[in-house]
Amino acid sequence: MAHCPNCGKKLHIYNWKQNCPHCGINLVYFNSNEKLLEESEKTEIAHARFQPGVDRAKASTIGSLPAIMRIVLSVLPLASLMLPLVRLNGPEGSKAINVINVYNLINDTGFGTVFGKAFSGNTVFLSVVMLLVSAVLILVAGLFLMKSLGKHGRKINLIFDSVKLALAVGSIICFSVSDIPSCLPDYNYTSGSLHIGCFVYAGLFLALLIYSQILAVKGLKIKHSLCLIGGIPSDEYFKMVDEGVSELEIKKEMVRRLTVMQEAVRAEAAEAAAKAEAERAARK
């Protein structure tokens, strides 16, 4: 059975009106201001805890020129795949192979067949699979760049960059030791050789690995957004809570800060109004 929050007397099921039958207080709007302030404070606290993550993500990606350069360096390997990666030779001449030709090979053969041949020891298809996985990791690692300034950001970047480089180098090695006629019996190729694209691809991964670690050592500047909790900067608010300052004292400080802010807004509005009035008088 419910009780009146004001007088504490019991409320029966037939007391359906919004006013307490004993003290007359409006049950719907009782302590509404306090509840509104409490909800507002909770929202501001949640925002203050979430905002630093946003600030770190921004600093990791577009917050500075070094961060932007890292993004560019991260996607450049994809562009390098358009360069000739290998050259295949046959009776009808040689053919330069880039990522478009690799895609056509996968599309014609099928993903299942490509992976099946790769894991059965066909080094050409193993080279293709390594190249494919490394390209996919470029996109996945790009998403984790936003967390590079987090607690484990440096380790995550190091792992991704190292794996991508290892896959690119592994792809080069697998192709270089391949017996082209036996690995590609359905194609009339007699031999193959590495081309500039594969070295550029691996070289960009190495450059990214080094550059990312340099940024991790030097650090990226984070521009922290100001978050207010009841008019108190969030870092001061959390410090007061950690130091065990009573809720009443915190509320008093909030009132003082909000009063100062309100007076500043009023002074600014009065100054703007006075300036506008002076301009109108001057025009007359």
Protein backbone atom coordinates (compact mmCIF):
# COMPACT_ATOMS: atom_id res chain seq x y z
CA MET A 1 0.00 0.00 0.00
CA ALA A 2 1.31 3.45 -0.93
CA HIS A 3 2.03 6.28 1.45
CA CYS A 4 1.97 10.01 0.95
CA PRO A 5 5.57 11.27 0.45
CA ASN A 6 4.71 14.46 2.35
CA CYS A 7 2.70 13.41 5.43
CA GLY A 8 3.44 9.68 5.35
CA LYS A 9 -0.19 8.59 5.75
CA LYS A 10 -1.57 5.62 3.87
CA LEU A 11 -3.15 6.02 0.45
CA HIS A 12 -5.88 3.55 -0.41
CA ILE A 13 -6.80 2.23 -3.83
CA TYR A 14 -9.82 4.53 -3.95
CA ASN A 15 -7.60 7.60 -3.43
CA TRP A 16 -7.24 8.03 -7.17
CA LYS A 17 -6.99 11.83 -7.27
CA GLN A 18 -3.59 13.48 -7.68
CA ASN A 19 -3.91 15.32 -4.35
CA CYS A 20 -3.34 13.62 -0.99
CA PRO A 21 -6.68 13.37 0.88
CA HIS A 22 -4.89 14.06 4.17
CA CYS A 23 -2.54 17.00 3.54
CA GLY A 24 -3.66 18.09 0.05
CA ILE A 25 -0.16 17.95 -1.50
CA ASN A 26 -0.05 17.32 -5.25
CA LEU A 27 1.35 13.81 -5.50
CA VAL A 28 2.30 14.15 -9.18
CA TYR A 29 4.43 17.26 -8.81
CA PHE A 30 5.73 16.63 -5.29
CA ASN A 31 9.46 17.39 -5.19
CA SER A 32 9.38 17.75 -8.98
CA ASN A 33 12.14 20.37 -8.96
CA GLU A 34 14.42 18.17 -6.87
CA LYS A 35 13.71 15.18 -9.11
CA LEU A 36 14.39 17.26 -12.22
CA LEU A 37 17.70 18.49 -10.81
CA GLU A 38 18.65 14.95 -9.84
CA GLU A 39 17.94 13.62 -13.33
CA SER A 40 19.82 16.56 -14.85
CA GLU A 41 22.81 15.82 -12.64
CA LYS A 42 22.78 12.14 -13.61
CA THR A 43 22.69 13.09 -17.29
CA GLU A 44 25.58 15.53 -16.88
CA ILE A 45 27.61 12.92 -14.99
CA ALA A 46 27.03 10.35 -17.76
CA HIS A 47 28.05 12.90 -20.37
CA ALA A 48 31.16 13.87 -18.40
CA ARG A 49 32.24 10.22 -18.23
CA PHE A 50 31.57 9.60 -21.93
CA GLN A 51 33.09 12.80 -23.36
CA PRO A 52 36.77 11.96 -22.63
CA GLY A 53 36.42 8.91 -24.88
CA VAL A 54 35.09 11.13 -27.66
CA ASP A 55 37.96 13.57 -27.13
CA ARG A 56 40.51 10.74 -27.35
CA ALA A 57 38.89 9.34 -30.50
CA LYS A 58 38.99 12.78 -32.14
CA ALA A 59 42.62 13.31 -31.15
CA SER A 60 43.50 9.86 -32.52
CA THR A 61 41.99 10.54 -35.93
CA ILE A 62 41.43 14.15 -36.99
CA GLY A 63 42.65 16.10 -33.98
CA SER A 64 46.03 17.05 -35.45
CA LEU A 65 48.14 16.83 -38.60
CA PRO A 66 50.19 13.83 -37.35
CA ALA A 67 46.96 11.92 -36.63
CA ILE A 68 45.58 12.74 -40.09
CA MET A 69 48.88 11.64 -41.67
CA ARG A 70 48.54 8.30 -39.88
CA ILE A 71 45.07 7.80 -41.38
CA VAL A 72 46.41 8.57 -44.84
CA LEU A 73 49.31 6.18 -44.31
CA SER A 74 46.86 3.54 -43.09
CA VAL A 75 44.81 3.53 -46.30
CA LEU A 76 47.67 4.00 -48.77
CA PRO A 77 48.35 0.22 -48.91
CA LEU A 78 44.90 -0.24 -50.43
CA ALA A 79 45.80 2.19 -53.21
CA SER A 80 49.11 0.44 -53.78
CA LEU A 81 47.23 -2.75 -54.63
CA MET A 82 46.34 -1.12 -57.95
CA LEU A 83 50.03 -1.30 -58.89
CA PRO A 84 51.34 -4.46 -60.59
CA LEU A 85 51.93 -6.96 -57.78
CA VAL A 86 53.40 -9.84 -59.74
CA ARG A 87 54.10 -10.74 -63.34
CA LEU A 88 53.06 -14.07 -64.87
CA ASN A 89 54.81 -15.34 -67.99
CA GLY A 90 53.45 -17.69 -70.62
CA PRO A 91 53.82 -18.64 -74.29
CA GLU A 92 51.63 -15.72 -75.29
CA GLY A 93 53.69 -13.21 -73.32
CA SER A 94 53.69 -11.81 -69.80
CA LYS A 95 50.84 -10.29 -67.81
CA ALA A 96 51.03 -7.85 -64.89
CA ILE A 97 48.70 -8.83 -62.04
CA ASN A 98 47.16 -6.33 -59.63
CA VAL A 99 44.28 -6.47 -57.15
CA ILE A 100 41.67 -6.37 -59.94
CA ASN A 101 43.08 -9.53 -61.48
CA VAL A 102 43.23 -11.12 -58.02
CA TYR A 103 39.56 -10.24 -57.48
CA ASN A 104 38.64 -11.78 -60.84
CA LEU A 105 40.54 -14.93 -59.88
CA ILE A 106 38.63 -15.18 -56.58
CA ASN A 107 35.33 -14.40 -58.31
CA ASP A 108 35.88 -17.07 -60.97
CA THR A 109 37.25 -19.70 -58.61
CA GLY A 110 35.06 -19.00 -55.56
CA PHE A 111 36.08 -18.16 -52.01
CA GLY A 112 35.67 -21.73 -50.81
CA THR A 113 37.90 -23.12 -53.53
CA VAL A 114 40.54 -20.41 -53.02
CA PHE A 115 40.76 -21.05 -49.27
CA GLY A 116 40.62 -24.82 -49.82
CA LYS A 117 43.56 -24.76 -52.23
CA ALA A 118 45.46 -22.38 -49.96
CA PHE A 119 45.19 -24.68 -46.96
CA SER A 120 45.98 -27.74 -49.09
CA GLY A 121 49.45 -26.38 -49.87
CA ASN A 122 48.97 -24.39 -53.08
CA THR A 123 51.37 -21.54 -52.38
CA VAL A 124 49.95 -19.21 -55.04
CA PHE A 125 46.48 -19.38 -53.52
CA LEU A 126 48.01 -19.14 -50.04
CA SER A 127 49.68 -15.94 -51.20
CA VAL A 128 46.30 -14.66 -52.43
CA VAL A 129 44.62 -15.51 -49.10
CA MET A 130 47.33 -13.70 -47.12
CA LEU A 131 46.95 -10.68 -49.38
CA LEU A 132 43.17 -10.75 -48.94
CA VAL A 133 43.33 -11.04 -45.14
CA SER A 134 45.86 -8.23 -44.86
CA ALA A 135 43.63 -5.97 -46.96
CA VAL A 136 40.64 -6.73 -44.73
CA LEU A 137 42.73 -5.95 -41.65
CA ILE A 138 43.42 -2.49 -43.07
CA LEU A 139 39.73 -1.67 -42.66
CA VAL A 140 39.42 -3.37 -39.27
CA ALA A 141 42.53 -1.66 -37.89
CA GLY A 142 41.22 1.68 -39.15
CA LEU A 143 38.27 1.37 -36.78
CA PHE A 144 40.60 0.68 -33.85
CA LEU A 145 42.56 3.86 -34.58
CA MET A 146 39.86 5.74 -32.67
CA LYS A 147 40.94 3.83 -29.55
CA SER A 148 44.68 4.28 -30.06
CA LEU A 149 44.87 6.71 -27.13
CA GLY A 150 42.99 4.35 -24.85
CA LYS A 151 44.43 2.11 -22.18
CA HIS A 152 45.58 -0.64 -24.55
CA GLY A 153 45.62 1.43 -27.74
CA ARG A 154 49.36 1.19 -28.38
CA LYS A 155 49.40 -2.60 -28.00
CA ILE A 156 46.38 -3.04 -30.26
CA ASN A 157 47.92 -0.88 -32.99
CA LEU A 158 51.22 -2.73 -32.69
CA ILE A 159 49.48 -6.09 -33.05
CA PHE A 160 47.42 -5.04 -36.07
CA ASP A 161 50.35 -3.36 -37.83
CA SER A 162 52.66 -6.32 -37.15
CA VAL A 163 50.12 -8.86 -38.40
CA LYS A 164 49.46 -6.87 -41.57
CA LEU A 165 53.18 -6.60 -42.27
CA ALA A 166 53.71 -10.30 -41.56
CA LEU A 167 50.88 -11.26 -43.93
CA ALA A 168 52.23 -9.01 -46.69
CA VAL A 169 55.74 -10.45 -46.33
CA GLY A 170 54.31 -13.98 -46.12
CA SER A 171 52.35 -13.39 -49.32
CA ILE A 172 55.54 -12.30 -51.09
CA ILE A 173 57.47 -15.33 -49.83
CA CYS A 174 54.73 -17.79 -50.78
CA PHE A 175 54.54 -16.48 -54.33
CA SER A 176 58.32 -16.34 -54.74
CA VAL A 177 58.70 -20.06 -53.88
CA SER A 178 55.69 -21.16 -55.97
CA ASP A 179 55.90 -23.47 -58.93
CA ILE A 180 53.54 -21.54 -61.19
CA PRO A 181 52.64 -24.33 -63.69
CA SER A 182 51.68 -26.79 -60.92
CA CYS A 183 49.93 -24.17 -58.78
CA LEU A 184 47.93 -22.77 -61.71
CA PRO A 185 47.33 -25.77 -63.96
CA ASP A 186 44.20 -24.24 -65.49
CA TYR A 187 46.16 -21.24 -66.76
CA ASN A 188 48.82 -21.30 -69.45
CA TYR A 189 51.60 -19.74 -67.34
CA THR A 190 55.14 -21.05 -67.22
CA SER A 191 56.71 -18.79 -64.59
CA GLY A 192 56.14 -15.74 -62.43
CA SER A 193 58.05 -12.93 -60.77
CA LEU A 194 57.43 -10.29 -58.14
CA HIS A 195 56.61 -6.76 -59.25
CA ILE A 196 56.94 -3.35 -57.63
CA GLY A 197 53.42 -3.30 -56.15
CA CYS A 198 54.02 -6.06 -53.61
CA PHE A 199 57.13 -4.32 -52.27
CA VAL A 200 55.34 -0.98 -52.02
CA TYR A 201 52.47 -2.73 -50.23
CA ALA A 202 54.75 -4.32 -47.62
CA GLY A 203 56.88 -1.18 -47.35
CA LEU A 204 53.86 0.96 -46.49
CA PHE A 205 52.92 -1.47 -43.70
CA LEU A 206 56.46 -1.18 -42.32
CA ALA A 207 56.29 2.62 -42.51
CA LEU A 208 52.92 2.60 -40.74
CA LEU A 209 54.26 0.33 -37.99
CA ILE A 210 57.21 2.65 -37.33
CA TYR A 211 55.16 5.84 -37.56
CA SER A 212 52.43 4.56 -35.22
CA GLN A 213 54.98 3.64 -32.57
CA ILE A 214 56.65 7.03 -32.89
CA LEU A 215 53.28 8.70 -32.32
CA ALA A 216 52.66 6.42 -29.35
CA VAL A 217 55.97 7.48 -27.77
CA LYS A 218 55.61 11.19 -28.49
CA GLY A 219 51.88 11.22 -27.79
CA LEU A 220 49.06 13.12 -29.45
CA LYS A 221 47.66 16.24 -27.88
CA ILE A 222 44.12 15.74 -26.60
CA LYS A 223 41.84 18.75 -26.50
CA HIS A 224 39.54 18.04 -23.57
CA SER A 225 36.00 19.42 -23.78
CA LEU A 226 34.69 21.28 -20.77
CA CYS A 227 31.91 19.34 -19.07
CA LEU A 228 29.89 20.94 -16.30
CA ILE A 229 27.95 19.11 -13.61
CA GLY A 230 25.60 21.55 -11.95
CA GLY A 231 27.93 24.37 -12.98
CA ILE A 232 31.02 22.62 -11.53
CA PRO A 233 33.71 21.43 -13.98
CA SER A 234 33.59 17.64 -14.11
CA ASP A 235 37.16 17.11 -12.88
CA GLU A 236 36.45 19.27 -9.82
CA TYR A 237 33.13 17.50 -9.21
CA PHE A 238 34.67 14.00 -9.31
CA LYS A 239 37.54 15.17 -7.09
CA MET A 240 35.05 16.44 -4.51
CA VAL A 241 33.19 13.12 -4.60
CA ASP A 242 36.44 11.15 -4.24
CA GLU A 243 37.48 13.31 -1.30
CA GLY A 244 34.20 12.52 0.48
CA VAL A 245 32.65 15.98 0.33
CA SER A 246 29.06 15.73 1.52
CA GLU A 247 26.21 15.89 -0.96
CA LEU A 248 24.86 19.00 0.78
CA GLU A 249 28.16 20.84 0.35
CA ILE A 250 28.31 19.84 -3.30
CA LYS A 251 24.77 21.13 -3.81
CA LYS A 252 25.69 24.42 -2.16
CA GLU A 253 28.69 24.76 -4.47
CA MET A 254 26.46 24.01 -7.46
CA VAL A 255 24.05 26.76 -6.42
CA ARG A 256 26.93 29.21 -6.01
CA ARG A 257 28.46 28.36 -9.39
CA LEU A 258 25.11 28.47 -11.20
CA THR A 259 24.30 31.82 -9.57
CA VAL A 260 27.60 33.27 -10.79
CA MET A 261 26.95 31.93 -14.28
CA GLN A 262 23.43 33.34 -14.29
CA GLU A 263 24.67 36.76 -13.18
CA ALA A 264 27.31 36.71 -15.91
CA VAL A 265 24.67 35.90 -18.54
CA ARG A 266 22.44 38.69 -17.26
CA ALA A 267 25.35 41.16 -17.27
CA GLU A 268 26.23 40.18 -20.81
CA ALA A 269 22.61 40.58 -21.93
CA ALA A 270 22.39 43.98 -20.22
CA GLU A 271 25.63 45.09 -21.87
CA ALA A 272 24.35 43.97 -25.28
CA ALA A 273 21.06 45.80 -24.72
CA ALA A 274 22.86 48.97 -23.66
CA LYS A 275 25.11 48.79 -26.71
CA ALA A 276 22.12 48.35 -29.00
CA GLU A 277 20.35 51.27 -27.37
CA ALA A 278 23.45 53.46 -27.81
CA GLU A 279 23.63 52.55 -31.49
CA ARG A 280 19.94 53.42 -31.99
CA ALA A 281 20.48 56.75 -30.22
CA ALA A 282 23.49 57.51 -32.41
CA ARG A 283 21.51 56.85 -35.57
CA LYS A 284 18.90 59.36 -34.47
